[in-house]
C-alpha atoms as a PDB file:
ATOM      1  CA  UNK A   1      50.628  30.096 -10.396  1.00  0.00           C
ATOM      2  CA  UNK A   2      46.920  29.819 -11.064  1.00  0.00           C
ATOM      3  CA  UNK A   3      44.601  31.573  -8.704  1.00  0.00           C
ATOM      4  CA  UNK A   4      42.221  29.244  -6.935  1.00  0.00           C
ATOM      5  CA  UNK A   5      38.538  29.591  -7.705  1.00  0.00           C
ATOM      6  CA  UNK A   6      36.592  31.701  -5.255  1.00  0.00           C
ATOM      7  CA  UNK A   7      34.214  29.660  -3.099  1.00  0.00           C
ATOM      8  CA  UNK A   8      30.573  29.988  -4.058  1.00  0.00           C
ATOM      9  CA  UNK A   9      28.494  32.072  -1.639  1.00  0.00           C
ATOM     10  CA  UNK A  10      26.215  30.192   0.744  1.00  0.00           C
ATOM     11  CA  UNK A  11      22.599  29.921  -0.387  1.00  0.00           C
ATOM     12  CA  UNK A  12      20.216  32.571   0.873  1.00  0.00           C
ATOM     13  CA  UNK A  13      17.867  31.302   3.561  1.00  0.00           C
ATOM     14  CA  UNK A  14      14.837  33.110   4.947  1.00  0.00           C
ATOM     15  CA  UNK A  15      13.501  30.604   7.447  1.00  0.00           C
ATOM     16  CA  UNK A  16      14.833  31.039  11.012  1.00  0.00           C
ATOM     17  CA  UNK A  17      18.363  29.713  11.247  1.00  0.00           C
ATOM     18  CA  UNK A  18      17.368  27.759  14.353  1.00  0.00           C
ATOM     19  CA  UNK A  19      14.983  25.664  12.249  1.00  0.00           C
ATOM     20  CA  UNK A  20      17.625  25.049   9.610  1.00  0.00           C
ATOM     21  CA  UNK A  21      19.985  23.892  12.353  1.00  0.00           C
ATOM     22  CA  UNK A  22      17.383  21.404  13.569  1.00  0.00           C
ATOM     23  CA  UNK A  23      17.073  20.146   9.987  1.00  0.00           C
ATOM     24  CA  UNK A  24      20.859  19.929   9.725  1.00  0.00           C
ATOM     25  CA  UNK A  25      21.018  17.832  12.883  1.00  0.00           C
ATOM     26  CA  UNK A  26      18.322  15.563  11.478  1.00  0.00           C
ATOM     27  CA  UNK A  27      20.305  15.114   8.261  1.00  0.00           C
ATOM     28  CA  UNK A  28      23.360  14.162  10.323  1.00  0.00           C
ATOM     29  CA  UNK A  29      21.197  11.604  12.106  1.00  0.00           C
ATOM     30  CA  UNK A  30      20.169  10.123   8.760  1.00  0.00           C
ATOM     31  CA  UNK A  31      23.814   9.781   7.812  1.00  0.00           C
ATOM     32  CA  UNK A  32      24.682   8.174  11.141  1.00  0.00           C
ATOM     33  CA  UNK A  33      21.862   5.661  10.727  1.00  0.00           C
ATOM     34  CA  UNK A  34      22.059   4.844   7.018  1.00  0.00           C
ATOM     35  CA  UNK A  35      25.251   6.308   5.591  1.00  0.00           C
ATOM     36  CA  UNK A  36      25.166   8.411   2.410  1.00  0.00           C
ATOM     37  CA  UNK A  37      22.667   7.938  -0.447  1.00  0.00           C
ATOM     38  CA  UNK A  38      25.282   6.082  -2.470  1.00  0.00           C
ATOM     39  CA  UNK A  39      25.745   3.654   0.420  1.00  0.00           C
ATOM     40  CA  UNK A  40      22.032   2.903   0.415  1.00  0.00           C
ATOM     41  CA  UNK A  41      21.986   2.474  -3.369  1.00  0.00           C
ATOM     42  CA  UNK A  42      24.980   0.151  -3.225  1.00  0.00           C
ATOM     43  CA  UNK A  43      22.984  -2.238  -1.045  1.00  0.00           C
ATOM     44  CA  UNK A  44      20.538  -2.767  -3.952  1.00  0.00           C
ATOM     45  CA  UNK A  45      17.980  -4.405  -1.665  1.00  0.00           C
ATOM     46  CA  UNK A  46      16.874  -3.964   1.940  1.00  0.00           C
ATOM     47  CA  UNK A  47      15.090  -6.313   4.251  1.00  0.00           C
ATOM     48  CA  UNK A  48      11.469  -5.479   4.862  1.00  0.00           C
ATOM     49  CA  UNK A  49      12.271  -4.230   8.373  1.00  0.00           C
ATOM     50  CA  UNK A  50      15.213  -2.083   7.220  1.00  0.00           C
ATOM     51  CA  UNK A  51      13.171  -0.615   4.383  1.00  0.00           C
ATOM     52  CA  UNK A  52      10.290   0.244   6.713  1.00  0.00           C
ATOM     53  CA  UNK A  53      12.637   1.917   9.201  1.00  0.00           C
ATOM     54  CA  UNK A  54      14.482   4.006   6.633  1.00  0.00           C
ATOM     55  CA  UNK A  55      11.295   5.008   4.820  1.00  0.00           C
ATOM     56  CA  UNK A  56       9.914   6.277   8.110  1.00  0.00           C
ATOM     57  CA  UNK A  57      12.949   8.493   8.745  1.00  0.00           C
ATOM     58  CA  UNK A  58      12.923   9.761   5.153  1.00  0.00           C
ATOM     59  CA  UNK A  59       9.230  10.698   5.445  1.00  0.00           C
ATOM     60  CA  UNK A  60       9.961  12.721   8.580  1.00  0.00           C
ATOM     61  CA  UNK A  61      12.807  14.577   6.857  1.00  0.00           C
ATOM     62  CA  UNK A  62      10.644  15.281   3.804  1.00  0.00           C
ATOM     63  CA  UNK A  63       7.844  16.667   5.984  1.00  0.00           C
ATOM     64  CA  UNK A  64      10.317  18.913   7.799  1.00  0.00           C
ATOM     65  CA  UNK A  65      11.805  20.272   4.582  1.00  0.00           C
ATOM     66  CA  UNK A  66       8.343  20.924   3.120  1.00  0.00           C
ATOM     67  CA  UNK A  67       7.675  23.281   6.022  1.00  0.00           C
ATOM     68  CA  UNK A  68      11.026  24.986   5.591  1.00  0.00           C
ATOM     69  CA  UNK A  69      10.416  25.403   1.868  1.00  0.00           C
ATOM     70  CA  UNK A  70       7.000  26.875   2.638  1.00  0.00           C
ATOM     71  CA  UNK A  71       8.641  29.534   4.801  1.00  0.00           C
ATOM     72  CA  UNK A  72      11.294  30.154   2.148  1.00  0.00           C
ATOM     73  CA  UNK A  73       8.636  30.386  -0.577  1.00  0.00           C
ATOM     74  CA  UNK A  74       6.690  33.066   1.291  1.00  0.00           C
ATOM     75  CA  UNK A  75       9.235  35.764   0.353  1.00  0.00           C
ATOM     76  CA  UNK A  76       8.636  35.378  -3.383  1.00  0.00           C
ATOM     77  CA  UNK A  77       5.811  37.576  -4.720  1.00  0.00           C
ATOM     78  CA  UNK A  78       3.046  36.404  -6.936  1.00  0.00           C
ATOM     79  CA  UNK A  79       4.202  36.512 -10.575  1.00  0.00           C
ATOM     80  CA  UNK A  80       2.615  39.060 -12.878  1.00  0.00           C
ATOM     81  CA  UNK A  81       2.105  36.540 -15.636  1.00  0.00           C
ATOM     82  CA  UNK A  82      -0.258  33.620 -15.580  1.00  0.00           C
ATOM     83  CA  UNK A  83       1.711  30.417 -14.998  1.00  0.00           C
ATOM     84  CA  UNK A  84       1.591  27.612 -17.508  1.00  0.00           C
ATOM     85  CA  UNK A  85       0.495  24.812 -15.218  1.00  0.00           C
ATOM     86  CA  UNK A  86       0.178  22.170 -17.887  1.00  0.00           C
ATOM     87  CA  UNK A  87       2.659  23.234 -20.495  1.00  0.00           C
ATOM     88  CA  UNK A  88       3.040  20.496 -23.073  1.00  0.00           C
ATOM     89  CA  UNK A  89       6.578  19.697 -24.015  1.00  0.00           C
ATOM     90  CA  UNK A  90       7.857  17.270 -26.532  1.00  0.00           C
ATOM     91  CA  UNK A  91       9.739  14.545 -24.770  1.00  0.00           C
ATOM     92  CA  UNK A  92      12.344  12.305 -26.247  1.00  0.00           C
ATOM     93  CA  UNK A  93      13.121   8.894 -24.839  1.00  0.00           C
ATOM     94  CA  UNK A  94      16.669   8.235 -23.798  1.00  0.00           C
ATOM     95  CA  UNK A  95      18.405   5.625 -21.730  1.00  0.00           C
ATOM     96  CA  UNK A  96      19.397   6.716 -18.244  1.00  0.00           C
ATOM     97  CA  UNK A  97      22.091   4.959 -16.310  1.00  0.00           C
ATOM     98  CA  UNK A  98      22.096   4.606 -12.545  1.00  0.00           C
ATOM     99  CA  UNK A  99      25.538   4.464 -11.003  1.00  0.00           C
ATOM    100  CA  UNK A 100      25.273   3.846  -7.282  1.00  0.00           C
ATOM    101  CA  UNK A 101      28.526   5.703  -6.604  1.00  0.00           C
ATOM    102  CA  UNK A 102      27.564   8.868  -8.519  1.00  0.00           C
ATOM    103  CA  UNK A 103      24.559  10.382  -6.704  1.00  0.00           C
ATOM    104  CA  UNK A 104      25.303  13.799  -8.204  1.00  0.00           C
ATOM    105  CA  UNK A 105      24.295  12.369 -11.604  1.00  0.00           C
ATOM    106  CA  UNK A 106      21.027  10.803 -10.430  1.00  0.00           C
ATOM    107  CA  UNK A 107      17.785  12.243 -11.740  1.00  0.00           C
ATOM    108  CA  UNK A 108      15.864  12.853  -8.546  1.00  0.00           C
ATOM    109  CA  UNK A 109      12.982  15.109  -7.545  1.00  0.00           C
ATOM    110  CA  UNK A 110      11.612  16.383  -4.279  1.00  0.00           C
ATOM    111  CA  UNK A 111       7.847  16.089  -4.126  1.00  0.00           C
ATOM    112  CA  UNK A 112       5.933  18.700  -2.145  1.00  0.00           C
ATOM    113  CA  UNK A 113       2.494  17.687  -3.362  1.00  0.00           C
ATOM    114  CA  UNK A 114       0.917  14.277  -3.476  1.00  0.00           C
ATOM    115  CA  UNK A 115       0.448  12.894  -6.996  1.00  0.00           C
ATOM    116  CA  UNK A 116      -3.039  13.434  -8.374  1.00  0.00           C
ATOM    117  CA  UNK A 117      -3.383   9.698  -8.980  1.00  0.00           C
ATOM    118  CA  UNK A 118      -1.334   7.035  -7.302  1.00  0.00           C
ATOM    119  CA  UNK A 119      -1.791   3.753  -9.036  1.00  0.00           C
ATOM    120  CA  UNK A 120       0.629   1.544  -7.127  1.00  0.00           C
ATOM    121  CA  UNK A 121       3.550   1.883  -4.728  1.00  0.00           C
ATOM    122  CA  UNK A 122       6.923   1.898  -6.456  1.00  0.00           C
ATOM    123  CA  UNK A 123       7.931  -1.317  -4.737  1.00  0.00           C
ATOM    124  CA  UNK A 124       4.827  -3.279  -5.740  1.00  0.00           C
ATOM    125  CA  UNK A 125       5.413  -6.153  -8.094  1.00  0.00           C
ATOM    126  CA  UNK A 126       4.411  -6.081 -11.727  1.00  0.00           C
ATOM    127  CA  UNK A 127       4.309  -8.864 -14.270  1.00  0.00           C
ATOM    128  CA  UNK A 128       3.258 -12.454 -13.587  1.00  0.00           C
ATOM    129  CA  UNK A 129       3.784 -12.105  -9.816  1.00  0.00           C
ATOM    130  CA  UNK A 130       1.488  -9.079  -9.555  1.00  0.00           C
ATOM    131  CA  UNK A 131      -1.562 -11.349  -9.310  1.00  0.00           C
ATOM    132  CA  UNK A 132      -0.319 -13.270  -6.309  1.00  0.00           C
ATOM    133  CA  UNK A 133      -2.494 -13.025  -3.174  1.00  0.00           C
ATOM    134  CA  UNK A 134      -1.940  -9.962  -0.978  1.00  0.00           C
ATOM    135  CA  UNK A 135      -0.897 -12.172   1.926  1.00  0.00           C
ATOM    136  CA  UNK A 136       1.839 -13.677  -0.222  1.00  0.00           C
ATOM    137  CA  UNK A 137       3.045 -10.226  -1.323  1.00  0.00           C
ATOM    138  CA  UNK A 138       3.226  -9.033   2.283  1.00  0.00           C
ATOM    139  CA  UNK A 139       5.484 -11.968   3.091  1.00  0.00           C
ATOM    140  CA  UNK A 140       8.158 -10.782   0.647  1.00  0.00           C
ATOM    141  CA  UNK A 141      11.254 -10.127   2.715  1.00  0.00           C
ATOM    142  CA  UNK A 142      13.170  -7.700   0.506  1.00  0.00           C
ATOM    143  CA  UNK A 143      12.588  -4.275  -1.054  1.00  0.00           C
ATOM    144  CA  UNK A 144      14.582  -2.281  -3.591  1.00  0.00           C
ATOM    145  CA  UNK A 145      16.906   0.229  -1.918  1.00  0.00           C
ATOM    146  CA  UNK A 146      17.149   2.552  -4.918  1.00  0.00           C
ATOM    147  CA  UNK A 147      13.890   4.524  -4.498  1.00  0.00           C
ATOM    148  CA  UNK A 148      14.856   5.388  -0.926  1.00  0.00           C
ATOM    149  CA  UNK A 149      18.369   6.313  -2.042  1.00  0.00           C
ATOM    150  CA  UNK A 150      16.901   8.692  -4.625  1.00  0.00           C
ATOM    151  CA  UNK A 151      14.589  10.328  -2.069  1.00  0.00           C
ATOM    152  CA  UNK A 152      17.539  10.654   0.308  1.00  0.00           C
ATOM    153  CA  UNK A 153      19.635  12.359  -2.370  1.00  0.00           C
ATOM    154  CA  UNK A 154      16.741  14.721  -3.143  1.00  0.00           C
ATOM    155  CA  UNK A 155      16.614  15.694   0.541  1.00  0.00           C
ATOM    156  CA  UNK A 156      20.288  16.628   0.476  1.00  0.00           C
ATOM    157  CA  UNK A 157      19.877  18.762  -2.645  1.00  0.00           C
ATOM    158  CA  UNK A 158      16.937  20.640  -1.131  1.00  0.00           C
ATOM    159  CA  UNK A 159      18.827  21.225   2.102  1.00  0.00           C
ATOM    160  CA  UNK A 160      21.958  22.444   0.313  1.00  0.00           C
ATOM    161  CA  UNK A 161      20.193  24.780  -2.112  1.00  0.00           C
ATOM    162  CA  UNK A 162      16.602  25.493  -1.049  1.00  0.00           C
ATOM    163  CA  UNK A 163      16.057  28.631  -3.137  1.00  0.00           C
ATOM    164  CA  UNK A 164      15.314  26.977  -6.484  1.00  0.00           C
ATOM    165  CA  UNK A 165      12.829  24.611  -4.854  1.00  0.00           C
ATOM    166  CA  UNK A 166      11.235  27.446  -2.874  1.00  0.00           C
ATOM    167  CA  UNK A 167      10.758  29.538  -6.022  1.00  0.00           C
ATOM    168  CA  UNK A 168       9.073  26.618  -7.751  1.00  0.00           C
ATOM    169  CA  UNK A 169       6.858  26.012  -4.745  1.00  0.00           C
ATOM    170  CA  UNK A 170       5.879  29.689  -4.573  1.00  0.00           C
ATOM    171  CA  UNK A 171       4.757  29.646  -8.202  1.00  0.00           C
ATOM    172  CA  UNK A 172       2.707  26.525  -7.589  1.00  0.00           C
ATOM    173  CA  UNK A 173       1.032  27.893  -4.458  1.00  0.00           C
ATOM    174  CA  UNK A 174       0.176  31.231  -6.052  1.00  0.00           C
ATOM    175  CA  UNK A 175      -1.479  29.297  -8.873  1.00  0.00           C
ATOM    176  CA  UNK A 176      -3.129  26.610  -6.718  1.00  0.00           C
ATOM    177  CA  UNK A 177      -3.408  27.990  -3.171  1.00  0.00           C
ATOM    178  CA  UNK A 178      -5.830  25.282  -2.044  1.00  0.00           C
ATOM    179  CA  UNK A 179      -3.058  22.691  -2.280  1.00  0.00           C
ATOM    180  CA  UNK A 180      -1.157  24.265   0.592  1.00  0.00           C
ATOM    181  CA  UNK A 181      -2.830  21.820   2.981  1.00  0.00           C
ATOM    182  CA  UNK A 182      -0.877  18.999   1.378  1.00  0.00           C
ATOM    183  CA  UNK A 183       2.379  20.496   2.638  1.00  0.00           C
ATOM    184  CA  UNK A 184       1.288  19.986   6.233  1.00  0.00           C
ATOM    185  CA  UNK A 185       1.085  16.219   5.977  1.00  0.00           C
ATOM    186  CA  UNK A 186       3.305  14.536   8.515  1.00  0.00           C
ATOM    187  CA  UNK A 187       4.076  11.008   9.656  1.00  0.00           C
ATOM    188  CA  UNK A 188       2.703  10.035  13.042  1.00  0.00           C
ATOM    189  CA  UNK A 189       6.203   9.457  14.359  1.00  0.00           C
ATOM    190  CA  UNK A 190       7.480  12.920  13.379  1.00  0.00           C
ATOM    191  CA  UNK A 191       6.839  14.571  16.743  1.00  0.00           C
ATOM    192  CA  UNK A 192       8.654  11.745  18.516  1.00  0.00           C
ATOM    193  CA  UNK A 193      11.786  12.251  16.424  1.00  0.00           C
ATOM    194  CA  UNK A 194      11.863  16.065  16.356  1.00  0.00           C
ATOM    195  CA  UNK A 195      11.369  17.858  19.663  1.00  0.00           C
ATOM    196  CA  UNK A 196      10.647  21.209  17.974  1.00  0.00           C
ATOM    197  CA  UNK A 197       8.107  19.922  15.475  1.00  0.00           C
ATOM    198  CA  UNK A 198       5.379  22.330  16.637  1.00  0.00           C
ATOM    199  CA  UNK A 199       7.755  25.214  15.915  1.00  0.00           C
ATOM    200  CA  UNK A 200       8.035  24.053  12.305  1.00  0.00           C
ATOM    201  CA  UNK A 201       4.248  23.931  11.979  1.00  0.00           C
ATOM    202  CA  UNK A 202       3.824  27.351  13.582  1.00  0.00           C
ATOM    203  CA  UNK A 203       6.491  28.932  11.406  1.00  0.00           C
ATOM    204  CA  UNK A 204       4.990  27.537   8.210  1.00  0.00           C
ATOM    205  CA  UNK A 205       1.494  28.674   9.185  1.00  0.00           C
ATOM    206  CA  UNK A 206       2.730  32.197   9.918  1.00  0.00           C
ATOM    207  CA  UNK A 207       4.470  32.300   6.545  1.00  0.00           C
ATOM    208  CA  UNK A 208       1.237  31.395   4.714  1.00  0.00           C
ATOM    209  CA  UNK A 209      -1.653  32.511   6.983  1.00  0.00           C
ATOM    210  CA  UNK A 210      -4.230  31.088   4.586  1.00  0.00           C
ATOM    211  CA  UNK A 211      -3.174  27.573   5.560  1.00  0.00           C
ATOM    212  CA  UNK A 212      -5.887  25.611   7.318  1.00  0.00           C
ATOM    213  CA  UNK A 213      -4.466  22.407   8.723  1.00  0.00           C
ATOM    214  CA  UNK A 214      -7.400  21.463  10.903  1.00  0.00           C
END
């Protein structure tokens, strides 16, 4: 009789467990509203109203997890070596499949910092329709569901295993401390959806006292 594999230990968390429980409840709310990431991806497209609603909830969850990661990152000391911020790596092109029912195989990323240059939203049209008047573009009734599904999956991975993301964030903040302000961005509706939002802000600011969010 083969011995069963021992369960993996739970990930180490340094932020107050009460805050993680609030985040857990929020993740359950996401599931109740939208299903799992693979359910969202399987829809392929969303109506404009559905896309706007889900994007709003995803933004709130991302803002919450940024604050939790900031608290988690505060326990990691500044590295002794100078980080390679712009290490050049040779990249090879390869085809990547996207199976809606296999979110564990998706290539997703959780973004703590805003991109240095944002040329166009991911949903904006390209090609011959890109030159249509803005009023006509705003009248488009459907949006791709996949980008939101990918962001949703990234949220789950951060929640389930925050340490790797916190270590990466700590390295980035020790190298570029002025960018900490970007982690305190929040949607206007965040405080209406999370009763303890001020506690998240206060905890993150205590973790990194140099933060100036005024």
